[in-house]
C-alpha atoms as a PDB file:
ATOM      1  CA  MET A   1      32.651   5.627 -34.542  1.00  0.00           C
ATOM      2  CA  ASP A   2      33.840   9.068 -33.370  1.00  0.00           C
ATOM      3  CA  SER A   3      30.273  10.373 -33.491  1.00  0.00           C
ATOM      4  CA  GLN A   4      29.083   7.548 -31.243  1.00  0.00           C
ATOM      5  CA  ARG A   5      31.169   7.932 -28.091  1.00  0.00           C
ATOM      6  CA  ARG A   6      30.349   9.370 -24.704  1.00  0.00           C
ATOM      7  CA  LYS A   7      32.467  12.195 -23.326  1.00  0.00           C
ATOM      8  CA  LEU A   8      34.530  11.321 -20.256  1.00  0.00           C
ATOM      9  CA  PRO A   9      35.470  14.010 -17.755  1.00  0.00           C
ATOM     10  CA  ASN A  10      39.094  13.989 -18.928  1.00  0.00           C
ATOM     11  CA  GLN A  11      38.313  14.520 -22.615  1.00  0.00           C
ATOM     12  CA  SER A  12      38.718  17.847 -24.325  1.00  0.00           C
ATOM     13  CA  SER A  13      35.733  19.651 -25.823  1.00  0.00           C
ATOM     14  CA  ASP A  14      36.820  18.883 -29.393  1.00  0.00           C
ATOM     15  CA  GLU A  15      36.489  15.179 -28.587  1.00  0.00           C
ATOM     16  CA  ASN A  16      32.726  15.578 -28.089  1.00  0.00           C
ATOM     17  CA  LYS A  17      31.293  17.561 -30.986  1.00  0.00           C
ATOM     18  CA  ASN A  18      28.026  15.662 -31.232  1.00  0.00           C
ATOM     19  CA  GLY A  19      25.487  15.380 -28.390  1.00  0.00           C
ATOM     20  CA  SER A  20      24.409  11.885 -29.476  1.00  0.00           C
ATOM     21  CA  GLU A  21      27.663  10.237 -28.446  1.00  0.00           C
ATOM     22  CA  MET A  22      26.416   7.472 -26.180  1.00  0.00           C
ATOM     23  CA  LEU A  23      27.737   4.145 -27.422  1.00  0.00           C
ATOM     24  CA  ILE A  24      31.454   4.290 -26.711  1.00  0.00           C
ATOM     25  CA  ARG A  25      33.356   5.554 -23.696  1.00  0.00           C
ATOM     26  CA  ARG A  26      37.023   6.282 -24.294  1.00  0.00           C
ATOM     27  CA  ILE A  27      39.944   6.452 -21.935  1.00  0.00           C
ATOM     28  CA  HIS A  28      42.568   8.094 -24.049  1.00  0.00           C
ATOM     29  CA  GLU A  29      44.931   9.989 -21.762  1.00  0.00           C
ATOM     30  CA  PRO A  30      47.824   7.985 -20.297  1.00  0.00           C
ATOM     31  CA  THR A  31      47.205   9.437 -16.831  1.00  0.00           C
ATOM     32  CA  ALA A  32      43.516   8.492 -17.047  1.00  0.00           C
ATOM     33  CA  LEU A  33      44.416   4.826 -16.716  1.00  0.00           C
ATOM     34  CA  ALA A  34      45.555   5.381 -13.145  1.00  0.00           C
ATOM     35  CA  ARG A  35      42.712   7.784 -12.278  1.00  0.00           C
ATOM     36  CA  GLN A  36      39.868   5.685 -13.644  1.00  0.00           C
ATOM     37  CA  CYS A  37      40.412   2.265 -12.111  1.00  0.00           C
ATOM     38  CA  ASP A  38      36.706   1.837 -11.375  1.00  0.00           C
ATOM     39  CA  VAL A  39      35.718   2.745 -14.968  1.00  0.00           C
ATOM     40  CA  ILE A  40      38.153   0.179 -16.366  1.00  0.00           C
ATOM     41  CA  ALA A  41      36.941  -2.454 -13.906  1.00  0.00           C
ATOM     42  CA  ARG A  42      33.343  -1.976 -15.143  1.00  0.00           C
ATOM     43  CA  ILE A  43      34.106  -2.459 -18.852  1.00  0.00           C
ATOM     44  CA  ARG A  44      32.072  -5.419 -20.136  1.00  0.00           C
ATOM     45  CA  CYS A  45      32.909  -5.088 -23.852  1.00  0.00           C
ATOM     46  CA  GLY A  46      35.888  -3.132 -24.985  1.00  0.00           C
ATOM     47  CA  ARG A  47      38.730  -2.429 -27.349  1.00  0.00           C
ATOM     48  CA  ILE A  48      42.355  -1.632 -26.588  1.00  0.00           C
ATOM     49  CA  VAL A  49      44.081   0.488 -29.243  1.00  0.00           C
ATOM     50  CA  MET A  50      47.877   0.767 -29.289  1.00  0.00           C
ATOM     51  CA  ARG A  51      49.825   2.946 -31.744  1.00  0.00           C
ATOM     52  CA  SER A  52      53.592   2.954 -32.134  1.00  0.00           C
ATOM     53  CA  GLY A  53      54.105   1.111 -28.856  1.00  0.00           C
ATOM     54  CA  VAL A  54      51.978   3.529 -26.822  1.00  0.00           C
ATOM     55  CA  LEU A  55      48.440   3.126 -25.489  1.00  0.00           C
ATOM     56  CA  ASP A  56      46.159   5.287 -27.616  1.00  0.00           C
ATOM     57  CA  ARG A  57      42.890   4.499 -25.861  1.00  0.00           C
ATOM     58  CA  ILE A  58      40.653   1.952 -24.189  1.00  0.00           C
ATOM     59  CA  GLU A  59      37.100   1.976 -25.487  1.00  0.00           C
ATOM     60  CA  SER A  60      34.094   0.674 -23.602  1.00  0.00           C
ATOM     61  CA  HIS A  61      31.349  -0.543 -25.936  1.00  0.00           C
ATOM     62  CA  TRP A  62      27.754  -1.237 -24.975  1.00  0.00           C
ATOM     63  CA  MET A  63      27.725  -4.515 -26.875  1.00  0.00           C
ATOM     64  CA  ARG A  64      30.336  -6.800 -28.366  1.00  0.00           C
ATOM     65  CA  HIS A  65      31.081  -6.843 -32.051  1.00  0.00           C
ATOM     66  CA  PRO A  66      31.143 -10.454 -33.217  1.00  0.00           C
ATOM     67  CA  VAL A  67      33.647 -11.138 -35.961  1.00  0.00           C
ATOM     68  CA  SER A  68      32.889 -13.542 -38.790  1.00  0.00           C
ATOM     69  CA  VAL A  69      35.400 -15.725 -40.628  1.00  0.00           C
ATOM     70  CA  ALA A  70      34.551 -13.826 -43.814  1.00  0.00           C
ATOM     71  CA  GLN A  71      35.397 -10.521 -42.145  1.00  0.00           C
ATOM     72  CA  VAL A  72      38.725 -11.880 -40.908  1.00  0.00           C
ATOM     73  CA  TRP A  73      39.554 -13.183 -44.400  1.00  0.00           C
ATOM     74  CA  TRP A  74      38.597  -9.857 -46.011  1.00  0.00           C
ATOM     75  CA  GLN A  75      40.674  -7.806 -43.599  1.00  0.00           C
ATOM     76  CA  GLN A  76      43.633 -10.142 -43.922  1.00  0.00           C
ATOM     77  CA  HIS A  77      43.684  -9.923 -47.721  1.00  0.00           C
ATOM     78  CA  PHE A  78      42.316  -6.489 -48.572  1.00  0.00           C
ATOM     79  CA  ALA A  79      42.092  -4.203 -45.544  1.00  0.00           C
ATOM     80  CA  ARG A  80      45.325  -4.751 -43.655  1.00  0.00           C
ATOM     81  CA  ASP A  81      46.479  -1.863 -41.540  1.00  0.00           C
ATOM     82  CA  GLU A  82      49.891  -0.673 -42.649  1.00  0.00           C
ATOM     83  CA  GLY A  83      50.817   1.430 -39.634  1.00  0.00           C
ATOM     84  CA  ASP A  84      52.281   0.394 -36.288  1.00  0.00           C
ATOM     85  CA  GLN A  85      48.978  -0.249 -34.529  1.00  0.00           C
ATOM     86  CA  CYS A  86      47.183  -3.097 -32.794  1.00  0.00           C
ATOM     87  CA  MET A  87      43.588  -3.420 -31.598  1.00  0.00           C
ATOM     88  CA  LEU A  88      42.327  -6.049 -29.156  1.00  0.00           C
ATOM     89  CA  ASP A  89      38.587  -6.599 -28.768  1.00  0.00           C
ATOM     90  CA  PHE A  90      37.444  -8.333 -25.585  1.00  0.00           C
ATOM     91  CA  HIS A  91      34.288  -8.968 -23.587  1.00  0.00           C
ATOM     92  CA  ILE A  92      33.082 -10.463 -20.327  1.00  0.00           C
ATOM     93  CA  PRO A  93      30.922 -13.543 -21.009  1.00  0.00           C
ATOM     94  CA  ARG A  94      27.399 -13.343 -19.626  1.00  0.00           C
ATOM     95  CA  GLY A  95      27.177 -15.196 -16.311  1.00  0.00           C
ATOM     96  CA  MET A  96      30.984 -15.457 -15.973  1.00  0.00           C
ATOM     97  CA  PRO A  97      32.121 -12.112 -14.535  1.00  0.00           C
ATOM     98  CA  ARG A  98      35.545 -13.390 -13.488  1.00  0.00           C
ATOM     99  CA  PHE A  99      36.617 -14.336 -17.032  1.00  0.00           C
ATOM    100  CA  ILE A 100      37.563 -12.285 -20.096  1.00  0.00           C
ATOM    101  CA  THR A 101      37.259 -13.483 -23.674  1.00  0.00           C
ATOM    102  CA  LEU A 102      39.768 -12.100 -26.166  1.00  0.00           C
ATOM    103  CA  ASP A 103      37.603 -11.857 -29.270  1.00  0.00           C
ATOM    104  CA  TYR A 104      39.783 -10.359 -31.951  1.00  0.00           C
ATOM    105  CA  ILE A 105      43.279  -9.050 -32.578  1.00  0.00           C
ATOM    106  CA  ARG A 106      43.721  -6.700 -35.503  1.00  0.00           C
ATOM    107  CA  SER A 107      47.157  -5.598 -36.599  1.00  0.00           C
ATOM    108  CA  GLY A 108      48.996  -4.848 -39.795  1.00  0.00           C
ATOM    109  CA  ARG A 109      52.258  -5.515 -41.525  1.00  0.00           C
ATOM    110  CA  GLY A 110      53.853  -2.561 -39.783  1.00  0.00           C
ATOM    111  CA  THR A 111      52.844  -3.602 -36.271  1.00  0.00           C
ATOM    112  CA  SER A 112      55.894  -3.890 -34.039  1.00  0.00           C
ATOM    113  CA  TYR A 113      56.359  -6.498 -31.338  1.00  0.00           C
ATOM    114  CA  ARG A 114      56.374  -3.684 -28.765  1.00  0.00           C
ATOM    115  CA  THR A 115      52.926  -2.509 -29.907  1.00  0.00           C
ATOM    116  CA  PHE A 116      51.472  -6.040 -29.837  1.00  0.00           C
ATOM    117  CA  LEU A 117      53.054  -6.786 -26.452  1.00  0.00           C
ATOM    118  CA  GLY A 118      51.773  -3.478 -25.069  1.00  0.00           C
ATOM    119  CA  ALA A 119      48.210  -4.314 -26.108  1.00  0.00           C
ATOM    120  CA  CYS A 120      48.525  -7.703 -24.378  1.00  0.00           C
ATOM    121  CA  ARG A 121      49.898  -6.064 -21.223  1.00  0.00           C
ATOM    122  CA  VAL A 122      47.068  -3.537 -21.128  1.00  0.00           C
ATOM    123  CA  LEU A 123      44.605  -6.452 -21.416  1.00  0.00           C
ATOM    124  CA  ASP A 124      46.396  -8.052 -18.447  1.00  0.00           C
ATOM    125  CA  GLU A 125      45.928  -4.770 -16.567  1.00  0.00           C
ATOM    126  CA  VAL A 126      42.187  -4.792 -17.358  1.00  0.00           C
ATOM    127  CA  ALA A 127      42.058  -8.367 -16.019  1.00  0.00           C
ATOM    128  CA  ARG A 128      43.912  -7.296 -12.872  1.00  0.00           C
ATOM    129  CA  ARG A 129      41.554  -4.378 -12.247  1.00  0.00           C
ATOM    130  CA  ARG A 130      38.537  -6.670 -12.735  1.00  0.00           C
ATOM    131  CA  SER A 131      40.083  -9.380 -10.488  1.00  0.00           C
ATOM    132  CA  SER A 132      39.606 -11.823 -13.358  1.00  0.00           C
ATOM    133  CA  LEU A 133      40.610 -15.451 -12.970  1.00  0.00           C
ATOM    134  CA  ALA A 134      41.561 -15.966 -16.618  1.00  0.00           C
ATOM    135  CA  ILE A 135      41.526 -14.684 -20.178  1.00  0.00           C
ATOM    136  CA  VAL A 136      40.529 -17.156 -22.900  1.00  0.00           C
ATOM    137  CA  ALA A 137      41.009 -16.985 -26.672  1.00  0.00           C
ATOM    138  CA  HIS A 138      40.413 -19.078 -29.790  1.00  0.00           C
ATOM    139  CA  LEU A 139      43.224 -18.389 -32.268  1.00  0.00           C
ATOM    140  CA  THR A 140      42.907 -18.919 -35.994  1.00  0.00           C
ATOM    141  CA  ASN A 141      45.981 -16.975 -37.108  1.00  0.00           C
ATOM    142  CA  GLN A 142      48.978 -19.264 -37.490  1.00  0.00           C
ATOM    143  CA  GLN A 143      51.358 -16.312 -37.149  1.00  0.00           C
ATOM    144  CA  LEU A 144      50.541 -16.351 -33.440  1.00  0.00           C
ATOM    145  CA  SER A 145      52.545 -19.485 -32.762  1.00  0.00           C
ATOM    146  CA  ASP A 146      52.169 -21.744 -29.753  1.00  0.00           C
ATOM    147  CA  ARG A 147      55.713 -20.764 -28.767  1.00  0.00           C
ATOM    148  CA  LEU A 148      54.882 -17.035 -28.799  1.00  0.00           C
ATOM    149  CA  MET A 149      51.709 -17.587 -26.804  1.00  0.00           C
ATOM    150  CA  THR A 150      53.608 -19.636 -24.207  1.00  0.00           C
ATOM    151  CA  ARG A 151      56.212 -16.880 -24.001  1.00  0.00           C
ATOM    152  CA  LEU A 152      53.421 -14.378 -23.267  1.00  0.00           C
ATOM    153  CA  GLY A 153      52.029 -16.561 -20.449  1.00  0.00           C
ATOM    154  CA  TRP A 154      49.256 -18.364 -22.345  1.00  0.00           C
ATOM    155  CA  HIS A 155      48.723 -22.143 -22.338  1.00  0.00           C
ATOM    156  CA  ARG A 156      46.830 -24.522 -24.636  1.00  0.00           C
ATOM    157  CA  HIS A 157      43.306 -25.125 -23.413  1.00  0.00           C
ATOM    158  CA  MET A 158      40.567 -27.592 -24.395  1.00  0.00           C
ATOM    159  CA  PRO A 159      42.739 -29.725 -26.716  1.00  0.00           C
ATOM    160  CA  HIS A 160      39.795 -31.979 -27.628  1.00  0.00           C
ATOM    161  CA  TRP A 161      37.910 -29.034 -29.165  1.00  0.00           C
ATOM    162  CA  PRO A 162      38.545 -28.123 -32.804  1.00  0.00           C
ATOM    163  CA  GLY A 163      40.860 -25.148 -33.281  1.00  0.00           C
ATOM    164  CA  ARG A 164      43.549 -23.618 -31.120  1.00  0.00           C
ATOM    165  CA  HIS A 165      42.231 -22.536 -27.728  1.00  0.00           C
ATOM    166  CA  PHE A 166      44.436 -20.708 -25.227  1.00  0.00           C
ATOM    167  CA  ILE A 167      44.030 -19.515 -21.656  1.00  0.00           C
ATOM    168  CA  ARG A 168      45.994 -17.083 -19.490  1.00  0.00           C
ATOM    169  CA  ARG A 169      45.299 -17.990 -15.866  1.00  0.00           C
ATOM    170  CA  PHE A 170      45.503 -15.685 -12.850  1.00  0.00           C
ATOM    171  CA  TYR A 171      44.478 -18.196 -10.175  1.00  0.00           C
ATOM    172  CA  ASP A 172      47.590 -17.437  -8.082  1.00  0.00           C
ATOM    173  CA  GLY A 173      47.239 -13.671  -8.443  1.00  0.00           C
ATOM    174  CA  HIS A 174      48.026 -11.077 -11.046  1.00  0.00           C
ATOM    175  CA  PRO A 175      51.607 -10.235 -11.939  1.00  0.00           C
ATOM    176  CA  ASP A 176      52.427  -6.565 -12.387  1.00  0.00           C
ATOM    177  CA  PRO A 177      51.957  -6.021 -16.133  1.00  0.00           C
ATOM    178  CA  LYS A 178      54.412  -3.076 -16.021  1.00  0.00           C
ATOM    179  CA  ILE A 179      52.361  -0.976 -18.417  1.00  0.00           C
ATOM    180  CA  ASP A 180      54.026   2.347 -17.520  1.00  0.00           C
ATOM    181  CA  ARG A 181      56.386   1.917 -20.469  1.00  0.00           C
ATOM    182  CA  TYR A 182      53.375   1.788 -22.810  1.00  0.00           C
ATOM    183  CA  LEU A 183      51.723   4.955 -21.487  1.00  0.00           C
ATOM    184  CA  THR A 184      54.168   7.589 -22.673  1.00  0.00           C
ATOM    185  CA  PRO A 185      55.944   7.959 -26.016  1.00  0.00           C
ATOM    186  CA  VAL A 186      59.440   6.543 -26.294  1.00  0.00           C
ATOM    187  CA  MET A 187      62.111   9.204 -26.782  1.00  0.00           C
ATOM    188  CA  ASP A 188      64.857   8.096 -29.165  1.00  0.00           C
END
C-alpha cells in the first residue's frame, strides 16, 4: 500500500519514493488534522489508523474495500494484530452524502480501549467536518456489546433486519469529539 499513495504537501520526501503513488492520500501529522479540514471533509472512502492511543494517519482511498465474511473469519483466527492498533474503514454511500457507513473495524488482542475509543472519536470528527447526519454500522462481532455501543453514543437501528445494526445520529448537532488527546503521544 505504501507504493500506492499520493504525496500530500505536509509529507516528507521519504514518504513519496515512487512517482506512481496515486491511490491513497494520507494525513499523518497530528497538526495536519487541523490544517486540512477541507481535505478531510472530501474523503469519500477512508481508513483511520490509531496506534498506541494516538492517531497515526487518515487515509483517503479512491474506492472502498468490501470485506467478506471469509476475510473476517480468516483475520479473526489467523491474522490477528498483536500490537496496540485499531483501523476503521468507512465510506460515504452513493447518493447519500450526509451519511457515513462504518464498514470494518480491525483490531488485535493488544488493542487498548484508549486506541479503540480514539479511532471512534476521529470518525466522529470526520462526520463533524462533513456535516454528516449519522454514521451507520452492521456489527457481527459479539465483543462489541450493545452496552458498549450505547456508551459510545450508538443506538440499535432497523431491529426487523437480520443482524445487529447501529446508528450514531447527529441530527441535533455534533458534540466536540475532543480528539486533541489522541493527536500527541501520552507522556508517562
